[in-house]
Amino acid sequence: MQDLGNTQFFKVETDNTSVKQILADVYAALTEKGYNPVNQIVGYIMSGDPTYITSYKNARSMIMKVERDELVEEMLTEYIKSSHWK
């Protein structure tokens, strides 16, 4: 019988794909399908509607694993790193 007096640990294996890599993969899939990737990703971030992202190469499933605010954070971080704002 299980001891209910102690805290049990539960570990979930997660996909360690970075937000940066997911954005790169989604961008590539959208480009390959002939979409404007910037417009499509912005549409998704603004609305939350996953149909802005193609299902080609599993792009829609990948981007939905990440919270939209995390996508914005990653893009802003990379923009600031590449600029001379420092």
Protein backbone atom coordinates (compact mmCIF):
# COMPACT_ATOMS: atom_id res chain seq x y z
CA MET A 1 0.00 0.00 0.00
CA GLN A 2 1.18 3.52 -0.83
CA ASP A 3 2.32 5.88 1.96
CA LEU A 4 0.01 8.91 1.66
CA GLY A 5 1.97 10.91 4.27
CA ASN A 6 4.88 11.67 1.93
CA THR A 7 5.02 13.83 -1.16
CA GLN A 8 5.29 11.81 -4.33
CA PHE A 9 7.38 13.03 -7.23
CA PHE A 10 6.03 12.95 -10.75
CA LYS A 11 8.34 13.70 -13.63
CA VAL A 12 7.05 14.44 -17.10
CA GLU A 13 9.44 14.14 -19.99
CA THR A 14 9.28 17.33 -22.00
CA ASP A 15 10.38 18.22 -25.47
CA ASN A 16 13.52 20.31 -25.02
CA THR A 17 13.13 22.16 -28.32
CA SER A 18 13.86 25.82 -27.70
CA VAL A 19 11.41 28.60 -28.51
CA LYS A 20 14.03 29.97 -30.89
CA GLN A 21 14.21 26.65 -32.77
CA ILE A 22 10.42 26.34 -32.91
CA LEU A 23 10.14 29.84 -34.40
CA ALA A 24 12.85 28.99 -36.95
CA ASP A 25 11.12 25.74 -37.95
CA VAL A 26 7.69 27.39 -38.20
CA TYR A 27 9.16 30.27 -40.22
CA ALA A 28 10.78 27.77 -42.62
CA ALA A 29 7.56 25.76 -43.03
CA LEU A 30 5.52 28.89 -43.74
CA THR A 31 8.11 30.08 -46.26
CA GLU A 32 8.17 26.70 -48.03
CA LYS A 33 4.38 26.79 -48.38
CA GLY A 34 4.54 30.28 -49.92
CA TYR A 35 3.13 32.27 -47.01
CA ASN A 36 4.53 35.50 -45.62
CA PRO A 37 5.87 34.06 -42.34
CA VAL A 38 6.01 37.38 -40.48
CA ASN A 39 2.37 38.17 -41.25
CA GLN A 40 1.23 34.66 -40.34
CA ILE A 41 3.15 34.52 -37.05
CA VAL A 42 1.93 38.00 -36.06
CA GLY A 43 -1.63 36.94 -36.89
CA TYR A 44 -1.25 33.91 -34.67
CA ILE A 45 0.26 35.86 -31.79
CA MET A 46 -2.37 38.60 -31.94
CA SER A 47 -5.41 36.35 -32.28
CA GLY A 48 -4.40 33.00 -30.82
CA ASP A 49 -5.98 31.36 -33.87
CA PRO A 50 -3.73 28.42 -34.82
CA THR A 51 -5.06 28.35 -38.39
CA TYR A 52 -2.64 31.20 -39.17
CA ILE A 53 0.09 28.54 -39.00
CA THR A 54 0.31 25.78 -41.58
CA SER A 55 0.18 22.19 -40.41
CA TYR A 56 2.94 21.44 -42.95
CA LYS A 57 5.95 19.84 -41.23
CA ASN A 58 4.02 19.85 -37.95
CA ALA A 59 4.50 23.64 -37.63
CA ARG A 60 1.08 24.26 -36.05
CA SER A 61 1.59 21.61 -33.39
CA MET A 62 5.06 22.92 -32.59
CA ILE A 63 4.04 26.55 -32.17
CA MET A 64 1.05 25.62 -30.01
CA LYS A 65 3.41 24.01 -27.47
CA VAL A 66 4.71 27.48 -26.63
CA GLU A 67 2.73 30.24 -24.93
CA ARG A 68 2.25 33.27 -27.18
CA ASP A 69 3.90 35.59 -24.66
CA GLU A 70 6.98 33.36 -24.76
CA LEU A 71 7.11 33.81 -28.54
CA VAL A 72 6.99 37.59 -28.17
CA GLU A 73 9.61 37.48 -25.41
CA GLU A 74 11.98 35.41 -27.54
CA MET A 75 11.58 37.66 -30.58
CA LEU A 76 12.07 40.84 -28.53
CA THR A 77 15.11 39.39 -26.77
CA GLU A 78 16.72 38.47 -30.09
CA TYR A 79 15.87 41.88 -31.57
CA ILE A 80 17.45 43.70 -28.64
CA LYS A 81 20.54 41.47 -28.75
CA SER A 82 21.01 42.26 -32.45
CA SER A 83 20.50 46.01 -32.05
CA HIS A 84 22.71 48.66 -30.52
CA TRP A 85 20.40 49.46 -27.59
CA LYS A 86 22.82 48.06 -25.03
